[in-house]
Structure formats: structure tokens, C-alpha cells
């Protein structure tokens, strides 16, 4: 008895049939369909093998990065609170009793902005440094409107050579903590320097 096994391989299915060549009859047949979305099929047609778990793995990686980011912030909150560096309006929105270093439910205050209880408006906490920065701009012939957010870059430079307030240092540290691992080169070559920089805090 001569038997022939025929197999039909498709992009997302496999078909088979077993034939008895002597008696000319089909002994068995069937197919197996592999569920695959259209975008994965497109990649498969291009010759790119795509794992069915690749998407889940990507989401899991994003969750891990987010958890690490939150954990770094919570730990820094606890350290800054022990040192007494956090502004009062910011520290009271953080749980230091049960969920150490985490923001309270539905709370995520801005460290540099404090709400005025009388007017209900938010006021910039580091107004003094902002005004000094604006004076420096004018002294250099740059009499332009400056956003409050630029103050953090002014403080980063100032902290290298002069004293800054402890709340200002907390703002800088939390900003660095948030941007950890991120540095964007804008075409400039990184300059090598042997200078050791110390930061003075009031």
C-alpha cells in the first residue's frame, strides 16, 4: 500500500491530507488555523517573525519602568522630608505614615507652585530667584518675557557657585530624579573637565 502525505503550509494555517495511492482514496485530512491579527500577518509576509507574546512583553517593560520611577521618587520624598527640605504645602500632600513617600489619593502637587488660600490662585514659590534671573537677562540686553519654568535652569547654574535655599535644592533634586537616565545631545560635543563642583545650601 503506497501512501502519500500532502501538506499545505500557509501564513497562518496548515492543511494536510493522507492519500492511499493504490486504492485512490483519502484516508484522512484536516487543517490547523493559527489565529493571527492583520498587523502581525503583514509583518510575517515581510519575513519578520513576530512573537505572540512580544506585545505583552512590551507592556510589562513599560510597567516596570513606571514602577521604578515611582519608587525612586518615593524614596527621595522620604529623604528630603527627613532633612526638612520639602516646602510645607508639598509635604502635606504626601503620605509618610502608611504609604511612605507616596502622594495622597488624587493628589500630586507642584513643588514650585503654592495655592493662595485667600485668592484661590497659585503663586510661584521661587519668585525671588525668578526676578534675579530676569535682571540678568536685562543686563545682557535680553528684555523679553520669561516663563517661570526657566527658573529651574537658572538655579542649576547658580547652585554650582552660590548658595541656594533648601527648597530650591529639593526642586532641583526631584527634577533630576524625574529625568534620570535622560540626556539629549543637541549636536554639541561633550566637554571633558576635571573640575569638581560643590553645591552650597543655606
N, C-alpha and C. Protein backbone atom coordinates (compact mmCIF):
# COMPACT_ATOMS: atom_id res chain seq x y z
N UNK A 1 0.85 -1.19 0.00
CA UNK A 1 0.00 0.00 0.00
C UNK A 1 0.90 1.25 0.00
N UNK A 2 0.72 2.10 -1.01
CA UNK A 2 1.51 3.31 -1.12
C UNK A 2 0.68 4.48 -0.61
N UNK A 3 1.26 5.21 0.36
CA UNK A 3 0.55 6.34 0.96
C UNK A 3 1.30 7.63 0.66
N UNK A 4 0.55 8.66 0.46
CA UNK A 4 1.12 9.98 0.20
C UNK A 4 0.55 10.99 1.20
N UNK A 5 1.45 11.69 1.84
CA UNK A 5 1.04 12.73 2.79
C UNK A 5 1.25 14.09 2.13
N UNK A 6 0.17 14.82 1.97
CA UNK A 6 0.26 16.16 1.39
C UNK A 6 0.07 17.22 2.46
N UNK A 7 0.94 18.21 2.45
CA UNK A 7 0.88 19.29 3.46
C UNK A 7 0.83 20.63 2.74
N UNK A 8 -0.11 21.46 3.16
CA UNK A 8 -0.24 22.81 2.61
C UNK A 8 0.09 23.81 3.71
N UNK A 9 1.23 24.48 3.56
CA UNK A 9 1.67 25.44 4.58
C UNK A 9 1.30 26.85 4.15
N UNK A 10 0.49 27.51 4.95
CA UNK A 10 0.10 28.89 4.69
C UNK A 10 0.70 29.83 5.72
N UNK A 11 0.41 31.11 5.59
CA UNK A 11 0.97 32.10 6.52
C UNK A 11 0.40 31.95 7.93
N UNK A 12 -0.86 31.57 8.02
CA UNK A 12 -1.45 31.38 9.35
C UNK A 12 -2.32 30.13 9.42
N UNK A 13 -2.00 29.12 8.58
CA UNK A 13 -2.73 27.85 8.63
C UNK A 13 -1.89 26.73 8.05
N UNK A 14 -2.20 25.52 8.48
CA UNK A 14 -1.53 24.32 7.96
C UNK A 14 -2.62 23.31 7.57
N UNK A 15 -2.60 22.83 6.33
CA UNK A 15 -3.56 21.82 5.88
C UNK A 15 -2.82 20.53 5.55
N UNK A 16 -3.49 19.40 5.75
CA UNK A 16 -2.86 18.12 5.47
C UNK A 16 -3.90 17.12 4.92
N UNK A 17 -3.37 16.14 4.22
CA UNK A 17 -4.22 15.07 3.70
C UNK A 17 -3.37 13.83 3.49
N UNK A 18 -3.90 12.68 3.88
CA UNK A 18 -3.22 11.38 3.71
C UNK A 18 -4.00 10.56 2.67
N UNK A 19 -3.31 10.18 1.58
CA UNK A 19 -3.96 9.52 0.45
C UNK A 19 -3.39 8.12 0.24
N UNK A 20 -4.27 7.17 -0.03
CA UNK A 20 -3.86 5.81 -0.43
C UNK A 20 -3.77 5.81 -1.95
N UNK A 21 -2.53 5.78 -2.45
CA UNK A 21 -2.32 5.90 -3.89
C UNK A 21 -2.82 4.67 -4.66
N UNK A 22 -2.76 3.48 -4.05
CA UNK A 22 -3.19 2.27 -4.74
C UNK A 22 -4.71 2.23 -4.91
N UNK A 23 -5.41 2.52 -3.83
CA UNK A 23 -6.89 2.47 -3.89
C UNK A 23 -7.50 3.81 -4.28
N UNK A 24 -6.61 4.83 -4.39
CA UNK A 24 -7.05 6.17 -4.78
C UNK A 24 -8.19 6.71 -3.90
N UNK A 25 -7.90 6.71 -2.61
CA UNK A 25 -8.89 7.26 -1.68
C UNK A 25 -8.17 8.03 -0.57
N UNK A 26 -8.91 8.94 0.02
CA UNK A 26 -8.37 9.78 1.09
C UNK A 26 -8.56 9.08 2.43
N UNK A 27 -7.47 8.87 3.13
CA UNK A 27 -7.53 8.21 4.43
C UNK A 27 -7.81 9.20 5.56
N UNK A 28 -7.43 10.42 5.37
CA UNK A 28 -7.66 11.42 6.40
C UNK A 28 -7.21 12.79 5.93
N UNK A 29 -7.81 13.82 6.53
CA UNK A 29 -7.41 15.17 6.18
C UNK A 29 -7.84 16.13 7.29
N UNK A 30 -7.27 17.31 7.25
CA UNK A 30 -7.61 18.29 8.27
C UNK A 30 -6.80 19.57 8.08
N UNK A 31 -7.03 20.51 8.97
CA UNK A 31 -6.30 21.78 8.90
C UNK A 31 -6.18 22.37 10.30
N UNK A 32 -5.18 23.19 10.46
CA UNK A 32 -4.95 23.87 11.73
C UNK A 32 -4.76 25.35 11.43
N UNK A 33 -5.68 26.18 11.92
CA UNK A 33 -5.62 27.62 11.69
C UNK A 33 -4.97 28.30 12.89
N UNK A 34 -3.95 29.10 12.63
CA UNK A 34 -3.24 29.82 13.68
C UNK A 34 -3.81 31.23 13.76
N UNK A 35 -4.48 31.60 14.83
CA UNK A 35 -5.05 32.96 14.94
C UNK A 35 -3.95 34.01 14.92
N UNK A 36 -4.08 34.96 14.04
CA UNK A 36 -3.06 35.99 13.89
C UNK A 36 -3.73 37.27 13.41
N UNK A 37 -3.43 38.38 14.07
CA UNK A 37 -4.02 39.65 13.67
C UNK A 37 -3.43 40.13 12.35
N UNK A 38 -4.11 41.10 11.73
CA UNK A 38 -3.71 41.56 10.41
C UNK A 38 -2.33 42.21 10.41
N UNK A 39 -2.03 42.97 11.47
CA UNK A 39 -0.72 43.63 11.50
C UNK A 39 0.41 42.62 11.65
N UNK A 40 0.17 41.55 12.43
CA UNK A 40 1.20 40.51 12.58
C UNK A 40 1.37 39.75 11.28
N UNK A 41 0.25 39.49 10.59
CA UNK A 41 0.32 38.81 9.30
C UNK A 41 1.13 39.63 8.30
N UNK A 42 0.95 40.95 8.36
CA UNK A 42 1.70 41.83 7.47
C UNK A 42 3.19 41.73 7.71
N UNK A 43 3.57 41.71 8.99
CA UNK A 43 4.98 41.57 9.32
C UNK A 43 5.50 40.19 8.91
N UNK A 44 4.64 39.17 9.07
CA UNK A 44 5.04 37.81 8.70
C UNK A 44 5.28 37.71 7.20
N UNK A 45 4.42 38.36 6.42
CA UNK A 45 4.58 38.35 4.96
C UNK A 45 5.88 39.04 4.52
N UNK A 46 6.32 40.02 5.32
CA UNK A 46 7.57 40.71 5.01
C UNK A 46 8.80 39.91 5.40
N UNK A 47 8.57 38.81 6.11
CA UNK A 47 9.70 38.00 6.55
C UNK A 47 10.14 38.28 7.96
N UNK A 48 9.37 39.11 8.68
CA UNK A 48 9.70 39.43 10.07
C UNK A 48 8.92 38.51 11.01
N UNK A 49 9.64 37.72 11.78
CA UNK A 49 8.97 36.84 12.72
C UNK A 49 8.54 37.64 13.94
N UNK A 50 7.28 37.55 14.31
CA UNK A 50 6.73 38.31 15.43
C UNK A 50 6.18 37.33 16.46
N UNK A 51 6.68 37.45 17.69
CA UNK A 51 6.20 36.58 18.75
C UNK A 51 4.82 37.02 19.21
N UNK A 52 3.99 36.04 19.56
CA UNK A 52 2.65 36.36 20.06
C UNK A 52 2.71 37.06 21.41
N UNK A 53 3.82 36.89 22.12
CA UNK A 53 3.95 37.50 23.45
C UNK A 53 4.75 38.80 23.41
N UNK A 54 5.19 39.22 22.22
CA UNK A 54 6.02 40.43 22.13
C UNK A 54 5.29 41.66 22.65
N UNK A 55 4.00 41.78 22.34
CA UNK A 55 3.24 42.95 22.77
C UNK A 55 3.08 42.97 24.29
N UNK A 56 2.78 41.80 24.87
CA UNK A 56 2.65 41.74 26.33
C UNK A 56 3.98 42.06 27.02
N UNK A 57 5.08 41.56 26.42
CA UNK A 57 6.40 41.83 26.98
C UNK A 57 6.69 43.33 26.96
N UNK A 58 6.29 44.00 25.88
CA UNK A 58 6.49 45.45 25.78
C UNK A 58 5.72 46.20 26.86
N UNK A 59 4.46 45.82 27.06
CA UNK A 59 3.65 46.46 28.10
C UNK A 59 4.25 46.22 29.49
N UNK A 60 4.75 44.98 29.70
CA UNK A 60 5.33 44.67 31.01
C UNK A 60 6.57 45.51 31.26
N UNK A 61 7.37 45.74 30.21
CA UNK A 61 8.55 46.59 30.35
C UNK A 61 8.19 48.01 30.72
N UNK A 62 7.11 48.54 30.12
CA UNK A 62 6.65 49.89 30.43
C UNK A 62 6.20 49.97 31.89
N UNK A 63 5.48 48.93 32.35
CA UNK A 63 5.02 48.92 33.75
C UNK A 63 6.20 48.89 34.72
N UNK A 64 7.22 48.12 34.38
CA UNK A 64 8.40 48.05 35.26
C UNK A 64 9.10 49.40 35.34
N UNK A 65 9.26 50.06 34.20
CA UNK A 65 9.91 51.38 34.21
C UNK A 65 9.11 52.38 35.04
N UNK A 66 7.78 52.32 34.91
CA UNK A 66 6.93 53.24 35.67
C UNK A 66 7.06 52.97 37.17
N UNK A 67 7.06 51.69 37.56
CA UNK A 67 7.18 51.35 38.97
C UNK A 67 8.52 51.80 39.53
N UNK A 68 9.58 51.65 38.76
CA UNK A 68 10.90 52.10 39.22
C UNK A 68 10.96 53.61 39.37
N UNK A 69 10.32 54.31 38.42
CA UNK A 69 10.28 55.78 38.50
C UNK A 69 9.56 56.24 39.77
N UNK A 70 8.40 55.62 40.04
CA UNK A 70 7.64 55.99 41.24
C UNK A 70 8.41 55.64 42.51
N UNK A 71 9.10 54.50 42.50
CA UNK A 71 9.86 54.09 43.69
C UNK A 71 11.01 55.05 43.97
N UNK A 72 11.69 55.50 42.91
CA UNK A 72 12.77 56.48 43.10
C UNK A 72 12.24 57.78 43.69
N UNK A 73 11.09 58.22 43.20
CA UNK A 73 10.51 59.47 43.70
C UNK A 73 10.08 59.32 45.16
N UNK A 74 9.47 58.19 45.50
CA UNK A 74 9.02 57.97 46.87
C UNK A 74 10.19 57.95 47.85
N UNK A 75 11.28 57.31 47.46
CA UNK A 75 12.46 57.26 48.33
C UNK A 75 13.07 58.65 48.51
N UNK A 76 13.12 59.42 47.43
CA UNK A 76 13.66 60.78 47.54
C UNK A 76 12.76 61.66 48.39
N UNK A 77 11.44 61.49 48.28
CA UNK A 77 10.50 62.22 49.13
C UNK A 77 10.81 61.98 50.61
N UNK A 78 11.05 60.72 50.95
CA UNK A 78 11.30 60.37 52.35
C UNK A 78 12.60 61.00 52.86
N UNK A 79 13.64 60.97 52.03
CA UNK A 79 14.93 61.56 52.43
C UNK A 79 14.80 63.07 52.60
N UNK A 80 14.18 63.73 51.62
CA UNK A 80 14.02 65.19 51.69
C UNK A 80 13.14 65.60 52.86
N UNK A 81 12.16 64.77 53.20
CA UNK A 81 11.29 65.07 54.34
C UNK A 81 12.06 64.98 55.66
N UNK A 82 12.91 63.97 55.77
CA UNK A 82 13.73 63.83 56.98
C UNK A 82 14.67 65.02 57.14
N UNK A 83 15.21 65.49 56.03
CA UNK A 83 16.12 66.64 56.07
C UNK A 83 15.39 67.97 56.25
N UNK A 84 14.08 67.97 56.06
CA UNK A 84 13.30 69.18 56.19
C UNK A 84 13.43 70.10 54.99
N UNK A 85 13.68 69.54 53.80
CA UNK A 85 13.89 70.33 52.60
C UNK A 85 12.60 70.57 51.81
N UNK A 86 11.56 69.81 52.07
CA UNK A 86 10.32 69.93 51.28
C UNK A 86 9.50 71.13 51.76
N UNK A 87 8.96 71.91 50.82
CA UNK A 87 8.05 73.00 51.22
C UNK A 87 6.83 72.43 51.93
N UNK A 88 6.28 73.21 52.85
CA UNK A 88 5.17 72.72 53.68
C UNK A 88 3.96 72.31 52.84
N UNK A 89 3.58 73.11 51.84
CA UNK A 89 2.40 72.80 51.04
C UNK A 89 2.58 71.51 50.24
N UNK A 90 3.82 71.18 49.92
CA UNK A 90 4.12 69.97 49.14
C UNK A 90 4.16 68.74 50.05
N UNK A 91 4.80 68.90 51.20
CA UNK A 91 4.96 67.77 52.12
C UNK A 91 3.63 67.28 52.69
N UNK A 92 2.67 68.19 52.88
CA UNK A 92 1.40 67.77 53.48
C UNK A 92 0.53 66.95 52.51
N UNK A 93 0.89 66.92 51.24
CA UNK A 93 0.15 66.12 50.26
C UNK A 93 0.79 64.75 50.05
N UNK A 94 1.77 64.41 50.90
CA UNK A 94 2.48 63.13 50.78
C UNK A 94 2.22 62.30 52.03
N UNK A 95 2.04 61.01 51.85
CA UNK A 95 1.77 60.10 52.96
C UNK A 95 3.10 59.58 53.50
N UNK A 96 3.44 59.95 54.74
CA UNK A 96 4.66 59.47 55.36
C UNK A 96 4.38 58.50 56.51
N UNK A 97 3.14 58.00 56.60
CA UNK A 97 2.77 57.11 57.69
C UNK A 97 2.50 55.68 57.21
N UNK A 98 1.69 55.54 56.17
CA UNK A 98 1.36 54.19 55.68
C UNK A 98 2.09 53.88 54.37
N UNK A 99 1.84 54.69 53.36
CA UNK A 99 2.47 54.50 52.05
C UNK A 99 3.60 55.52 51.94
N UNK A 100 4.73 55.18 52.52
CA UNK A 100 5.84 56.12 52.70
C UNK A 100 6.28 56.74 51.38
N UNK A 101 6.18 58.06 51.32
CA UNK A 101 6.67 58.79 50.16
C UNK A 101 5.70 58.93 49.01
N UNK A 102 4.55 58.27 49.10
CA UNK A 102 3.57 58.34 48.01
C UNK A 102 2.65 59.54 48.21
N UNK A 103 2.19 60.08 47.08
CA UNK A 103 1.20 61.15 47.16
C UNK A 103 -0.11 60.60 47.70
N UNK A 104 -0.85 61.44 48.41
CA UNK A 104 -2.17 61.05 48.88
C UNK A 104 -3.09 60.83 47.67
N UNK A 105 -4.19 60.13 47.88
CA UNK A 105 -5.12 59.82 46.80
C UNK A 105 -5.57 61.07 46.07
N UNK A 106 -5.47 61.02 44.76
CA UNK A 106 -5.91 62.11 43.88
C UNK A 106 -5.17 63.41 44.17
N UNK A 107 -3.94 63.29 44.66
CA UNK A 107 -3.12 64.47 44.94
C UNK A 107 -1.77 64.33 44.22
N UNK A 108 -1.33 65.38 43.60
CA UNK A 108 0.01 65.45 43.02
C UNK A 108 0.38 66.91 42.84
N UNK A 109 0.76 67.54 43.94
CA UNK A 109 1.04 68.99 43.90
C UNK A 109 2.32 69.31 43.14
N UNK A 110 2.43 70.56 42.73
CA UNK A 110 3.64 71.06 42.11
C UNK A 110 4.49 71.72 43.19
N UNK A 111 5.73 71.33 43.28
CA UNK A 111 6.58 71.85 44.35
C UNK A 111 6.80 73.35 44.22
N UNK A 112 6.92 73.84 43.01
CA UNK A 112 7.24 75.26 42.80
C UNK A 112 6.02 76.17 42.84
N UNK A 113 4.82 75.59 42.95
CA UNK A 113 3.61 76.42 42.93
C UNK A 113 2.78 76.16 44.20
N UNK A 114 2.44 77.24 44.87
CA UNK A 114 1.66 77.14 46.12
C UNK A 114 0.35 77.89 45.95
N UNK A 115 -0.74 77.27 46.40
CA UNK A 115 -2.06 77.88 46.27
C UNK A 115 -2.30 78.88 47.39
N UNK A 116 -2.67 80.08 46.99
CA UNK A 116 -3.01 81.12 47.95
C UNK A 116 -4.43 80.86 48.47
N UNK A 117 -4.55 80.64 49.77
CA UNK A 117 -5.85 80.27 50.36
C UNK A 117 -6.87 81.41 50.24
N UNK A 118 -6.42 82.64 50.22
CA UNK A 118 -7.33 83.78 50.16
C UNK A 118 -7.87 84.01 48.75
N UNK A 119 -6.96 84.03 47.78
CA UNK A 119 -7.38 84.32 46.40
C UNK A 119 -7.74 83.06 45.62
N UNK A 120 -7.24 81.90 46.08
CA UNK A 120 -7.50 80.65 45.36
C UNK A 120 -6.62 80.46 44.13
N UNK A 121 -5.67 81.39 43.94
CA UNK A 121 -4.78 81.31 42.79
C UNK A 121 -3.43 80.72 43.21
N UNK A 122 -2.74 80.14 42.24
CA UNK A 122 -1.43 79.56 42.51
C UNK A 122 -0.35 80.63 42.35
N UNK A 123 0.60 80.62 43.28
CA UNK A 123 1.70 81.58 43.25
C UNK A 123 3.03 80.83 43.14
N UNK A 124 3.94 81.41 42.37
CA UNK A 124 5.26 80.80 42.19
C UNK A 124 6.08 80.95 43.46
N UNK A 125 6.61 79.85 43.94
CA UNK A 125 7.28 79.83 45.24
C UNK A 125 8.65 80.51 45.21
N UNK A 126 9.32 80.44 44.07
CA UNK A 126 10.68 80.96 43.99
C UNK A 126 10.71 82.27 43.19
N UNK A 127 9.86 83.19 43.58
CA UNK A 127 9.74 84.47 42.89
C UNK A 127 11.04 85.28 42.97
N UNK A 128 11.72 85.21 44.08
CA UNK A 128 12.96 85.96 44.27
C UNK A 128 14.02 85.54 43.25
N UNK A 129 14.17 84.24 43.07
CA UNK A 129 15.15 83.75 42.09
C UNK A 129 14.72 84.08 40.67
N UNK A 130 13.42 84.05 40.43
CA UNK A 130 12.92 84.38 39.09
C UNK A 130 13.23 85.83 38.73
N UNK A 131 13.01 86.73 39.68
CA UNK A 131 13.27 88.15 39.44
C UNK A 131 14.76 88.40 39.22
N UNK A 132 15.59 87.67 39.97
CA UNK A 132 17.05 87.83 39.78
C UNK A 132 17.45 87.33 38.39
N UNK A 133 16.83 86.25 37.93
CA UNK A 133 17.11 85.75 36.60
C UNK A 133 16.69 86.76 35.54
N UNK A 134 15.51 87.38 35.75
CA UNK A 134 15.03 88.38 34.80
C UNK A 134 15.97 89.57 34.74
N UNK A 135 16.55 89.97 35.89
CA UNK A 135 17.53 91.06 35.92
C UNK A 135 18.77 90.71 35.11
N UNK A 136 19.21 89.46 35.23
CA UNK A 136 20.39 89.02 34.47
C UNK A 136 20.11 89.07 32.97
N UNK A 137 18.90 88.70 32.58
CA UNK A 137 18.54 88.77 31.16
C UNK A 137 18.60 90.22 30.66
N UNK A 138 18.02 91.13 31.45
CA UNK A 138 18.01 92.54 31.05
C UNK A 138 19.42 93.11 31.00
N UNK A 139 20.26 92.69 31.93
CA UNK A 139 21.64 93.17 31.96
C UNK A 139 22.41 92.75 30.72
N UNK A 140 21.98 91.67 30.11
CA UNK A 140 22.62 91.18 28.89
C UNK A 140 21.86 91.58 27.63
N UNK A 141 20.98 92.59 27.76
CA UNK A 141 20.25 93.09 26.60
C UNK A 141 19.12 92.20 26.13
N UNK A 142 18.63 91.33 26.99
CA UNK A 142 17.54 90.42 26.65
C UNK A 142 16.29 90.79 27.45
N UNK A 143 15.66 91.88 27.09
CA UNK A 143 14.46 92.32 27.79
C UNK A 143 13.23 91.63 27.17
N UNK A 144 13.03 90.37 27.56
CA UNK A 144 11.96 89.55 26.97
C UNK A 144 11.11 88.93 28.08
N UNK A 145 9.96 88.41 27.68
CA UNK A 145 9.11 87.71 28.64
C UNK A 145 9.72 86.33 28.91
N UNK A 146 9.84 86.00 30.18
CA UNK A 146 10.49 84.75 30.58
C UNK A 146 9.48 83.89 31.34
N UNK A 147 9.32 82.64 30.97
CA UNK A 147 8.42 81.76 31.72
C UNK A 147 9.03 81.37 33.07
N UNK A 148 8.17 81.13 34.03
CA UNK A 148 8.64 80.74 35.37
C UNK A 148 9.43 79.44 35.34
N UNK A 149 9.13 78.55 34.39
CA UNK A 149 9.79 77.25 34.34
C UNK A 149 11.29 77.38 34.11
N UNK A 150 11.73 78.48 33.51
CA UNK A 150 13.16 78.65 33.25
C UNK A 150 13.95 78.84 34.53
N UNK A 151 13.26 79.13 35.62
CA UNK A 151 13.95 79.37 36.89
C UNK A 151 14.76 78.17 37.33
N UNK A 152 14.27 76.99 37.01
CA UNK A 152 14.98 75.78 37.45
C UNK A 152 16.35 75.67 36.80
N UNK A 153 16.46 76.14 35.54
CA UNK A 153 17.76 76.11 34.86
C UNK A 153 18.69 77.18 35.42
N UNK A 154 18.11 78.31 35.81
CA UNK A 154 18.89 79.36 36.46
C UNK A 154 19.45 78.85 37.79
N UNK A 155 18.63 78.12 38.55
CA UNK A 155 19.06 77.60 39.84
C UNK A 155 20.11 76.51 39.68
N UNK A 156 20.01 75.73 38.61
CA UNK A 156 21.01 74.69 38.37
C UNK A 156 22.39 75.31 38.18
N UNK A 157 22.43 76.41 37.47
CA UNK A 157 23.71 77.09 37.27
C UNK A 157 24.16 77.81 38.54
N UNK A 158 23.21 78.44 39.21
CA UNK A 158 23.55 79.20 40.42
C UNK A 158 24.10 78.28 41.51
N UNK A 159 23.54 77.08 41.63
CA UNK A 159 23.93 76.16 42.71
C UNK A 159 25.38 75.69 42.58
N UNK A 160 25.96 75.84 41.39
CA UNK A 160 27.35 75.43 41.21
C UNK A 160 28.33 76.35 41.92
N UNK A 161 27.94 77.62 42.07
CA UNK A 161 28.88 78.60 42.61
C UNK A 161 28.36 79.35 43.83
N UNK A 162 27.04 79.36 44.03
CA UNK A 162 26.47 80.15 45.12
C UNK A 162 25.54 79.30 45.98
N UNK A 163 25.16 79.89 47.11
CA UNK A 163 24.22 79.21 47.99
C UNK A 163 22.80 79.31 47.44
N UNK A 164 22.03 78.27 47.64
CA UNK A 164 20.62 78.29 47.27
C UNK A 164 19.79 77.82 48.46
N UNK A 165 18.50 78.13 48.43
CA UNK A 165 17.61 77.71 49.52
C UNK A 165 17.42 76.19 49.48
N UNK A 166 17.12 75.62 50.64
CA UNK A 166 16.93 74.17 50.70
C UNK A 166 15.73 73.71 49.88
N UNK A 167 14.67 74.53 49.81
CA UNK A 167 13.51 74.18 48.99
C UNK A 167 13.87 74.19 47.50
N UNK A 168 14.77 75.12 47.12
CA UNK A 168 15.23 75.18 45.74
C UNK A 168 16.03 73.93 45.39
N UNK A 169 16.87 73.48 46.33
CA UNK A 169 17.64 72.26 46.10
C UNK A 169 16.72 71.05 45.97
N UNK A 170 15.66 71.01 46.79
CA UNK A 170 14.70 69.92 46.70
C UNK A 170 14.04 69.89 45.33
N UNK A 171 13.72 71.07 44.81
CA UNK A 171 13.12 71.17 43.47
C UNK A 171 14.08 70.62 42.41
N UNK A 172 15.35 70.98 42.52
CA UNK A 172 16.36 70.51 41.57
C UNK A 172 16.52 68.99 41.64
N UNK A 173 16.61 68.46 42.85
CA UNK A 173 16.81 67.02 43.02
C UNK A 173 15.63 66.22 42.49
N UNK A 174 14.42 66.70 42.74
CA UNK A 174 13.24 66.00 42.24
C UNK A 174 13.16 66.06 40.72
N UNK A 175 13.64 67.16 40.15
CA UNK A 175 13.67 67.28 38.69
C UNK A 175 14.68 66.31 38.09
N UNK A 176 15.86 66.22 38.70
CA UNK A 176 16.86 65.26 38.24
C UNK A 176 16.37 63.83 38.41
N UNK A 177 15.68 63.60 39.52
CA UNK A 177 15.14 62.27 39.79
C UNK A 177 14.13 61.85 38.73
N UNK A 178 13.33 62.80 38.29
CA UNK A 178 12.31 62.52 37.27
C UNK A 178 12.95 62.24 35.91
N UNK A 179 14.04 62.96 35.60
CA UNK A 179 14.69 62.84 34.29
C UNK A 179 15.87 61.89 34.32
N UNK A 180 15.96 61.03 35.33
CA UNK A 180 17.11 60.14 35.47
C UNK A 180 17.29 59.29 34.21
N UNK A 181 18.53 59.22 33.72
CA UNK A 181 18.83 58.40 32.56
C UNK A 181 18.54 59.07 31.24
N UNK A 182 18.06 60.34 31.29
CA UNK A 182 17.73 61.03 30.05
C UNK A 182 18.67 62.19 29.85
N UNK A 183 19.39 62.17 28.75
CA UNK A 183 20.27 63.29 28.40
C UNK A 183 20.27 63.41 26.88
N UNK A 184 19.90 64.55 26.40
CA UNK A 184 19.78 64.74 24.96
C UNK A 184 20.90 65.65 24.46
N UNK A 185 21.71 65.11 23.56
CA UNK A 185 22.75 65.91 22.95
C UNK A 185 22.15 66.69 21.80
N UNK A 186 22.43 67.94 21.72
CA UNK A 186 21.88 68.77 20.65
C UNK A 186 22.98 69.15 19.66
N UNK A 187 23.84 68.20 19.35
CA UNK A 187 24.88 68.46 18.38
C UNK A 187 26.18 68.94 18.99
N UNK A 188 26.14 69.29 20.29
CA UNK A 188 27.36 69.77 20.92
C UNK A 188 28.18 68.58 21.39
N UNK A 189 29.49 68.73 21.32
CA UNK A 189 30.36 67.69 21.82
C UNK A 189 30.51 67.88 23.32
N UNK A 190 30.48 66.76 24.01
CA UNK A 190 30.58 66.82 25.47
C UNK A 190 32.00 67.19 25.87
N UNK A 191 32.13 68.25 26.66
CA UNK A 191 33.43 68.71 27.07
C UNK A 191 33.88 67.96 28.31
N UNK A 192 35.11 67.49 28.28
CA UNK A 192 35.67 66.78 29.42
C UNK A 192 36.30 67.79 30.37
N UNK A 193 36.05 67.60 31.63
CA UNK A 193 36.57 68.53 32.62
C UNK A 193 36.92 67.79 33.89
N UNK A 194 38.00 68.24 34.54
CA UNK A 194 38.43 67.64 35.80
C UNK A 194 37.98 68.46 37.00
N UNK A 195 37.08 69.44 36.76
CA UNK A 195 36.63 70.33 37.82
C UNK A 195 35.64 69.61 38.71
N UNK A 196 35.84 69.69 40.01
CA UNK A 196 34.92 69.11 40.98
C UNK A 196 34.02 70.22 41.48
N UNK A 197 32.73 70.01 41.42
CA UNK A 197 31.76 71.06 41.76
C UNK A 197 31.08 70.72 43.08
N UNK A 198 30.99 71.68 43.98
CA UNK A 198 30.30 71.53 45.23
C UNK A 198 29.08 72.43 45.26
N UNK A 199 28.00 71.95 45.86
CA UNK A 199 26.78 72.73 45.93
C UNK A 199 26.59 73.21 47.37
N UNK A 200 26.40 74.51 47.56
CA UNK A 200 26.19 75.07 48.88
C UNK A 200 24.71 75.30 49.13
N UNK A 201 24.25 74.91 50.28
CA UNK A 201 22.84 75.06 50.64
C UNK A 201 22.74 75.87 51.91
N UNK A 202 21.79 76.80 51.91
CA UNK A 202 21.56 77.62 53.12
C UNK A 202 20.98 76.76 54.23
